[in-house]
Amino acid sequence: MTSLANFPITTRWAPKDSSVIQLYSFPTPNGVKVSIALEEMGLAYEPHLVTLSDSDVKSPEFLSLNPNNKIPAIIDPNGPTGPIGLWESGAILLYLGEKSGKFIGTNAAEKAEITKWVMFQMGGLGPMFGQMGFFYKFAGKEIEDPRPRERYRDEAKRLLAVLDGALEGKDWIAGDYSIADMAIAPWLNALNFYGTRDAVGFDDLKNVPAYLERFMTRPAVGKAMNIPARPV
């Protein structure tokens, strides 16, 4: 058995099988990116539910792995030179793609194209959609000044137009199905949760709705959307 004793997080979220990848997450758009990748790649892993409450993500144990106090994070006991801990969902996707040799392209040009779209999600879709959700669904909706809400709505619409144009004539954003799709599509699905599909004109887009539907019908995606399982 591989020892993970050097990772204090394991004292709170104890592994049952320390020889497989340990996933610390919650089924948010960022969280399910990694569970989807693990399922699609067929990598052995053990999920641990880390709620978004301060008592979990700001606990000393979780901060010992991710000082940025955000899910998801992983420990791979079989890293390149021994056990390795990682955080930031985009970085984890790239790592898992390299580890498995799947969904990351077959040459440098394909990998660069896939990485470009992963970064598009990390720097654009995720942050802008998340802020829009705050101003439409959460505490921000109580702010009377419409400008913050309009700013993030308009930027979300712009980014969706970029994506819609890039999908013209394609099933997947970077050629074959890849980690770029695993990064992007969960955030498109989040528009349902935020109640902002109409606000951004989602159903008026030419290519994005069918793209999301293709993604959501994949068996691995359907399974991974609730991994780790939400508390009942």
Protein backbone atom coordinates (compact mmCIF):
# COMPACT_ATOMS: atom_id res chain seq x y z
CA MET A 1 0.00 0.00 0.00
CA THR A 2 1.21 3.48 -0.87
CA SER A 3 1.66 5.68 2.18
CA LEU A 4 -0.05 9.06 2.16
CA ALA A 5 1.11 9.92 5.67
CA ASN A 6 2.81 13.10 4.43
CA PHE A 7 -0.59 14.56 3.48
CA PRO A 8 -2.37 15.85 6.61
CA ILE A 9 -5.69 16.01 4.74
CA THR A 10 -5.87 12.23 5.05
CA THR A 11 -6.27 12.49 8.82
CA ARG A 12 -9.74 13.99 8.26
CA TRP A 13 -10.70 12.41 4.94
CA ALA A 14 -9.12 9.02 5.42
CA PRO A 15 -8.51 6.89 2.32
CA LYS A 16 -9.96 3.42 2.15
CA ASP A 17 -7.50 2.51 -0.59
CA SER A 18 -4.37 4.64 -0.50
CA SER A 19 -3.12 3.13 -3.78
CA VAL A 20 -5.64 5.04 -5.93
CA ILE A 21 -6.17 8.73 -6.71
CA GLN A 22 -7.85 10.59 -3.86
CA LEU A 23 -10.42 13.17 -5.02
CA TYR A 24 -11.52 15.94 -2.64
CA SER A 25 -14.47 17.69 -4.18
CA PHE A 26 -18.10 18.76 -4.32
CA PRO A 27 -20.38 18.48 -7.39
CA THR A 28 -20.10 22.07 -8.60
CA PRO A 29 -19.13 22.86 -12.22
CA ASN A 30 -15.46 22.97 -11.23
CA GLY A 31 -15.76 19.88 -9.09
CA VAL A 32 -17.42 17.63 -11.65
CA LYS A 33 -14.82 18.47 -14.28
CA VAL A 34 -12.44 16.18 -12.42
CA SER A 35 -14.90 13.41 -11.60
CA ILE A 36 -15.92 13.39 -15.28
CA ALA A 37 -12.29 13.12 -16.36
CA LEU A 38 -11.59 10.30 -13.94
CA GLU A 39 -14.65 8.39 -15.13
CA GLU A 40 -13.94 9.00 -18.82
CA MET A 41 -10.29 8.00 -18.46
CA GLY A 42 -11.04 4.90 -16.41
CA LEU A 43 -8.59 5.89 -13.68
CA ALA A 44 -9.07 4.30 -10.28
CA TYR A 45 -10.02 6.88 -7.66
CA GLU A 46 -11.72 7.42 -4.33
CA PRO A 47 -14.01 10.43 -3.89
CA HIS A 48 -14.24 12.40 -0.65
CA LEU A 49 -17.04 14.92 -0.15
CA VAL A 50 -15.67 18.32 0.86
CA THR A 51 -18.54 20.73 1.36
CA LEU A 52 -18.26 24.42 0.52
CA SER A 53 -18.66 25.41 4.16
CA ASP A 54 -15.75 27.10 5.91
CA SER A 55 -15.59 24.20 8.32
CA ASP A 56 -14.41 22.03 5.42
CA VAL A 57 -12.63 24.18 2.83
CA LYS A 58 -10.97 26.40 5.43
CA SER A 59 -10.08 23.58 7.77
CA PRO A 60 -6.38 23.06 8.51
CA GLU A 61 -6.54 19.65 6.90
CA PHE A 62 -7.93 20.89 3.58
CA LEU A 63 -5.68 23.96 3.54
CA SER A 64 -2.69 21.66 3.95
CA LEU A 65 -3.43 20.40 0.43
CA ASN A 66 -4.93 23.52 -1.13
CA PRO A 67 -4.03 26.83 0.54
CA ASN A 68 -6.46 28.53 -1.87
CA ASN A 69 -9.34 26.78 -0.03
CA LYS A 70 -11.22 25.74 -3.19
CA ILE A 71 -12.37 22.38 -4.48
CA PRO A 72 -11.39 20.24 -6.31
CA ALA A 73 -8.05 18.86 -5.25
CA ILE A 74 -6.43 15.48 -5.69
CA ILE A 75 -3.63 13.33 -4.39
CA ASP A 76 -2.13 10.88 -6.84
CA PRO A 77 -0.15 8.30 -4.87
CA ASN A 78 1.46 7.18 -8.13
CA GLY A 79 2.77 10.50 -9.40
CA PRO A 80 5.79 10.94 -11.66
CA THR A 81 8.27 10.82 -8.78
CA GLY A 82 6.01 9.63 -5.97
CA PRO A 83 2.80 10.90 -4.38
CA ILE A 84 1.72 14.32 -5.64
CA GLY A 85 -0.99 16.73 -4.52
CA LEU A 86 -2.69 19.03 -7.02
CA TRP A 87 -5.34 21.74 -7.03
CA GLU A 88 -6.92 24.04 -9.64
CA SER A 89 -9.33 22.11 -11.83
CA GLY A 90 -7.67 23.03 -15.13
CA ALA A 91 -4.27 21.92 -13.89
CA ILE A 92 -5.77 18.65 -12.68
CA LEU A 93 -7.40 18.01 -16.07
CA LEU A 94 -4.09 18.56 -17.85
CA TYR A 95 -2.30 16.28 -15.39
CA LEU A 96 -4.85 13.49 -15.70
CA GLY A 97 -4.83 13.76 -19.47
CA GLU A 98 -1.04 13.36 -19.50
CA LYS A 99 -1.18 10.54 -16.98
CA SER A 100 -3.80 8.55 -18.86
CA GLY A 101 -2.73 9.52 -22.37
CA LYS A 102 -6.39 10.18 -23.15
CA PHE A 103 -8.44 13.20 -24.23
CA ILE A 104 -5.41 15.47 -24.52
CA GLY A 105 -4.51 15.07 -28.21
CA THR A 106 -1.99 12.92 -29.99
CA ASN A 107 0.61 15.56 -30.89
CA ALA A 108 1.87 18.94 -29.73
CA ALA A 109 -0.46 20.90 -32.01
CA GLU A 110 -3.56 19.08 -30.78
CA LYS A 111 -2.47 19.46 -27.18
CA ALA A 112 -1.96 23.20 -27.66
CA GLU A 113 -5.44 23.58 -29.16
CA ILE A 114 -7.02 21.66 -26.30
CA THR A 115 -5.05 23.62 -23.70
CA LYS A 116 -6.18 26.89 -25.31
CA TRP A 117 -9.83 26.03 -24.76
CA VAL A 118 -9.21 24.79 -21.22
CA MET A 119 -7.70 28.21 -20.49
CA PHE A 120 -10.68 29.90 -22.18
CA GLN A 121 -12.90 28.22 -19.64
CA MET A 122 -10.62 28.84 -16.69
CA GLY A 123 -10.12 32.54 -17.43
CA GLY A 124 -13.47 33.35 -19.03
CA LEU A 125 -16.49 31.09 -18.83
CA GLY A 126 -15.98 29.96 -15.24
CA PRO A 127 -15.27 33.32 -13.57
CA MET A 128 -17.83 35.28 -15.61
CA PHE A 129 -20.62 32.72 -15.28
CA GLY A 130 -19.91 32.40 -11.57
CA GLN A 131 -20.14 36.16 -11.04
CA MET A 132 -23.31 36.31 -13.12
CA GLY A 133 -24.80 33.59 -10.94
CA PHE A 134 -23.98 35.59 -7.84
CA PHE A 135 -25.90 38.61 -9.13
CA TYR A 136 -28.85 36.58 -10.45
CA LYS A 137 -29.32 33.81 -7.89
CA PHE A 138 -27.45 34.62 -4.71
CA ALA A 139 -26.86 37.66 -2.51
CA GLY A 140 -26.01 39.92 -5.41
CA LYS A 141 -29.59 39.85 -6.67
CA GLU A 142 -30.54 42.13 -3.76
CA ILE A 143 -28.30 44.91 -5.08
CA GLU A 144 -30.48 47.54 -6.71
CA ASP A 145 -27.80 48.94 -9.01
CA PRO A 146 -28.25 46.91 -12.23
CA ARG A 147 -24.77 47.57 -13.59
CA PRO A 148 -22.91 44.65 -11.97
CA ARG A 149 -25.58 42.19 -13.11
CA GLU A 150 -25.62 43.65 -16.62
CA ARG A 151 -21.83 43.59 -16.86
CA TYR A 152 -21.54 39.88 -16.12
CA ARG A 153 -24.59 39.00 -18.21
CA ASP A 154 -23.18 40.83 -21.22
CA GLU A 155 -19.76 39.25 -20.81
CA ALA A 156 -21.37 35.81 -20.49
CA LYS A 157 -23.29 36.46 -23.72
CA ARG A 158 -20.07 37.53 -25.46
CA LEU A 159 -18.23 34.41 -24.37
CA LEU A 160 -21.11 32.20 -25.46
CA ALA A 161 -21.01 33.83 -28.89
CA VAL A 162 -17.29 33.04 -29.12
CA LEU A 163 -17.98 29.42 -28.22
CA ASP A 164 -20.94 29.19 -30.58
CA GLY A 165 -18.86 30.40 -33.51
CA ALA A 166 -16.00 28.05 -32.69
CA LEU A 167 -18.38 25.06 -32.65
CA GLU A 168 -19.60 25.66 -36.20
CA GLY A 169 -19.35 22.38 -38.06
CA LYS A 170 -17.86 20.55 -35.06
CA ASP A 171 -19.19 18.15 -32.44
CA TRP A 172 -16.46 19.05 -29.93
CA ILE A 173 -14.56 22.26 -29.31
CA ALA A 174 -11.01 21.12 -30.13
CA GLY A 175 -11.53 18.31 -32.62
CA ASP A 176 -12.07 15.00 -30.87
CA TYR A 177 -13.75 14.91 -27.47
CA SER A 178 -11.22 16.15 -24.93
CA ILE A 179 -10.54 17.62 -21.53
CA ALA A 180 -11.50 20.98 -23.04
CA ASP A 181 -15.08 19.78 -23.33
CA MET A 182 -14.93 18.41 -19.78
CA ALA A 183 -13.91 21.90 -18.65
CA ILE A 184 -16.43 23.91 -20.68
CA ALA A 185 -19.68 21.95 -20.71
CA PRO A 186 -20.26 21.73 -16.92
CA TRP A 187 -20.26 25.53 -16.83
CA LEU A 188 -22.82 25.66 -19.63
CA ASN A 189 -24.97 23.29 -17.63
CA ALA A 190 -24.67 25.62 -14.63
CA LEU A 191 -26.82 28.20 -16.44
CA ASN A 192 -29.80 26.00 -15.52
CA PHE A 193 -28.86 26.18 -11.84
CA TYR A 194 -28.36 29.94 -11.97
CA GLY A 195 -31.63 30.44 -13.86
CA THR A 196 -29.89 32.55 -16.51
CA ARG A 197 -30.49 30.64 -19.75
CA ASP A 198 -33.05 33.17 -20.93
CA ALA A 199 -30.97 36.15 -19.79
CA VAL A 200 -28.05 35.11 -21.99
CA GLY A 201 -30.18 33.91 -24.91
CA PHE A 202 -28.89 30.36 -24.58
CA ASP A 203 -31.62 28.71 -26.65
CA ASP A 204 -31.12 31.20 -29.47
CA LEU A 205 -27.54 30.05 -30.03
CA LYS A 206 -26.93 27.93 -33.11
CA ASN A 207 -24.44 25.33 -31.89
CA VAL A 208 -24.00 25.49 -28.12
CA PRO A 209 -27.32 23.90 -27.01
CA ALA A 210 -26.74 20.76 -29.09
CA TYR A 211 -23.13 20.64 -27.89
CA LEU A 212 -24.26 20.62 -24.27
CA GLU A 213 -26.86 17.96 -25.01
CA ARG A 214 -24.23 15.73 -26.61
CA PHE A 215 -22.03 16.14 -23.59
CA MET A 216 -24.73 15.45 -21.01
CA THR A 217 -25.78 12.19 -22.69
CA ARG A 218 -22.34 10.62 -22.26
CA PRO A 219 -22.61 7.79 -19.68
CA ALA A 220 -19.48 8.86 -17.78
CA VAL A 221 -20.82 12.41 -17.52
CA GLY A 222 -24.19 11.25 -16.22
CA LYS A 223 -22.46 9.20 -13.52
CA ALA A 224 -19.93 11.84 -12.56
CA MET A 225 -22.35 14.76 -12.17
CA ASN A 226 -23.05 13.67 -8.59
CA ILE A 227 -19.59 12.50 -7.54
CA PRO A 228 -18.90 12.90 -4.69
CA ALA A 229 -22.58 12.48 -3.90
CA ARG A 230 -24.28 15.53 -2.49
CA PRO A 231 -25.40 15.17 1.13
CA VAL A 232 -29.05 14.20 1.46
